[in-house]
Amino acid sequence: CETLYELVTAMPKSEMPYHFYTDHRFALVVLCIFLIMPMSISKEISIQKYTSVLGTLAATYLSVAIIIKYCTMPTVADHKAPLYSSRISSWTSMFSVIPTICFGFQ
């Protein structure tokens, strides 16, 4: 809701008026009651094939959104010494986290 508010009104999140339906806790409860609980009650597992596709699309959307946000982030000149190296030592080390992410997703 905050991101959509910023996009639509071009105003910062801090000026967003508070409504109960824009609170993330309310959205989580609604999601659990109307989406997750009905899928959990079903006696047949065949309904899960649709949710698997939705989950895959959601994970793909999240990955793409993070990449786009990172690439469009303005660079800030920081003259402090970094606490840790943010450079990737090799391409293989970057892709070594994929099995962990896939295991967590499953």
Protein backbone atom coordinates (compact mmCIF):
# COMPACT_ATOMS: atom_id res chain seq x y z
CA CYS A 1 0.00 0.00 0.00
CA GLU A 2 2.81 2.40 0.80
CA THR A 3 4.53 1.85 -2.53
CA LEU A 4 1.28 2.23 -4.45
CA TYR A 5 0.51 5.40 -2.50
CA GLU A 6 3.89 6.84 -3.46
CA LEU A 7 3.38 5.96 -7.13
CA VAL A 8 -0.17 7.29 -7.40
CA THR A 9 0.11 10.47 -5.33
CA ALA A 10 3.84 11.24 -5.75
CA MET A 11 3.96 11.99 -2.03
CA PRO A 12 6.25 10.34 0.54
CA LYS A 13 5.11 7.44 2.70
CA SER A 14 5.29 9.62 5.79
CA GLU A 15 2.31 11.67 4.56
CA MET A 16 0.14 8.61 3.93
CA PRO A 17 -3.02 8.73 6.05
CA TYR A 18 -3.51 5.72 8.30
CA HIS A 19 -6.43 3.41 7.59
CA PHE A 20 -6.92 -0.03 9.11
CA TYR A 21 -7.17 -1.63 5.66
CA THR A 22 -3.74 -0.31 4.64
CA ASP A 23 -2.03 -1.91 7.63
CA HIS A 24 0.10 -4.93 6.70
CA ARG A 25 -1.24 -6.93 9.66
CA PHE A 26 -4.79 -6.54 8.37
CA ALA A 27 -3.73 -7.65 4.88
CA LEU A 28 -1.97 -10.69 6.35
CA VAL A 29 -5.05 -11.77 8.31
CA VAL A 30 -7.29 -11.35 5.25
CA LEU A 31 -4.83 -13.30 3.10
CA CYS A 32 -4.69 -16.13 5.62
CA ILE A 33 -8.46 -16.37 6.04
CA PHE A 34 -9.49 -16.08 2.40
CA LEU A 35 -6.58 -17.69 0.56
CA ILE A 36 -4.48 -19.98 2.73
CA MET A 37 -7.19 -21.48 4.94
CA PRO A 38 -9.49 -22.59 2.06
CA MET A 39 -6.55 -24.29 0.35
CA SER A 40 -5.64 -26.06 3.58
CA ILE A 41 -9.17 -27.38 4.14
CA SER A 42 -9.41 -29.11 0.74
CA LYS A 43 -9.23 -32.91 0.94
CA GLU A 44 -7.70 -33.21 -2.53
CA ILE A 45 -4.11 -32.23 -3.20
CA SER A 46 -4.80 -31.43 -6.85
CA ILE A 47 -5.78 -27.85 -5.93
CA GLN A 48 -2.18 -27.23 -4.91
CA LYS A 49 -0.98 -27.28 -8.53
CA TYR A 50 -2.54 -23.86 -9.04
CA THR A 51 -0.96 -22.43 -5.94
CA SER A 52 2.40 -23.81 -7.00
CA VAL A 53 2.21 -21.79 -10.21
CA LEU A 54 1.17 -18.70 -8.26
CA GLY A 55 4.03 -19.19 -5.81
CA THR A 56 6.53 -19.52 -8.63
CA LEU A 57 5.21 -16.36 -10.27
CA ALA A 58 5.35 -14.51 -6.95
CA ALA A 59 8.98 -15.56 -6.36
CA THR A 60 9.89 -14.53 -9.91
CA TYR A 61 8.16 -11.16 -9.47
CA LEU A 62 10.00 -10.57 -6.21
CA SER A 63 13.36 -11.40 -7.77
CA VAL A 64 12.75 -9.11 -10.74
CA ALA A 65 11.49 -6.29 -8.50
CA ILE A 66 14.62 -6.49 -6.33
CA ILE A 67 16.90 -6.43 -9.37
CA ILE A 68 15.06 -3.44 -10.87
CA LYS A 69 15.08 -1.57 -7.55
CA TYR A 70 18.81 -2.21 -7.16
CA CYS A 71 19.61 -1.07 -10.71
CA THR A 72 17.52 2.10 -10.44
CA MET A 73 18.82 3.05 -6.99
CA PRO A 74 20.79 6.30 -7.11
CA THR A 75 24.45 5.95 -6.26
CA VAL A 76 25.61 7.80 -3.19
CA ALA A 77 29.23 8.80 -2.83
CA ASP A 78 30.40 7.42 0.49
CA HIS A 79 33.93 8.18 1.56
CA LYS A 80 33.88 5.96 4.62
CA ALA A 81 35.75 2.69 4.63
CA PRO A 82 33.32 -0.23 4.17
CA LEU A 83 32.85 -2.62 7.05
CA TYR A 84 32.75 -5.56 4.68
CA SER A 85 33.36 -6.10 1.03
CA SER A 86 30.18 -5.92 -1.00
CA ARG A 87 31.92 -7.14 -4.14
CA ILE A 88 31.25 -10.65 -5.33
CA SER A 89 34.46 -12.62 -5.39
CA SER A 90 33.39 -14.81 -8.30
CA TRP A 91 30.35 -15.73 -10.35
CA THR A 92 30.30 -19.21 -8.85
CA SER A 93 29.97 -17.82 -5.33
CA MET A 94 27.05 -15.68 -6.47
CA PHE A 95 25.20 -18.68 -7.90
CA SER A 96 26.04 -20.92 -4.94
CA VAL A 97 23.13 -19.43 -2.99
CA ILE A 98 20.52 -20.62 -5.50
CA PRO A 99 20.10 -24.11 -3.93
CA THR A 100 19.51 -22.50 -0.53
CA ILE A 101 16.91 -20.14 -1.96
CA CYS A 102 15.17 -22.99 -3.81
CA PHE A 103 15.14 -25.16 -0.67
CA GLY A 104 13.64 -22.31 1.34
CA PHE A 105 11.02 -21.69 -1.34
CA GLN A 106 10.00 -25.35 -1.44
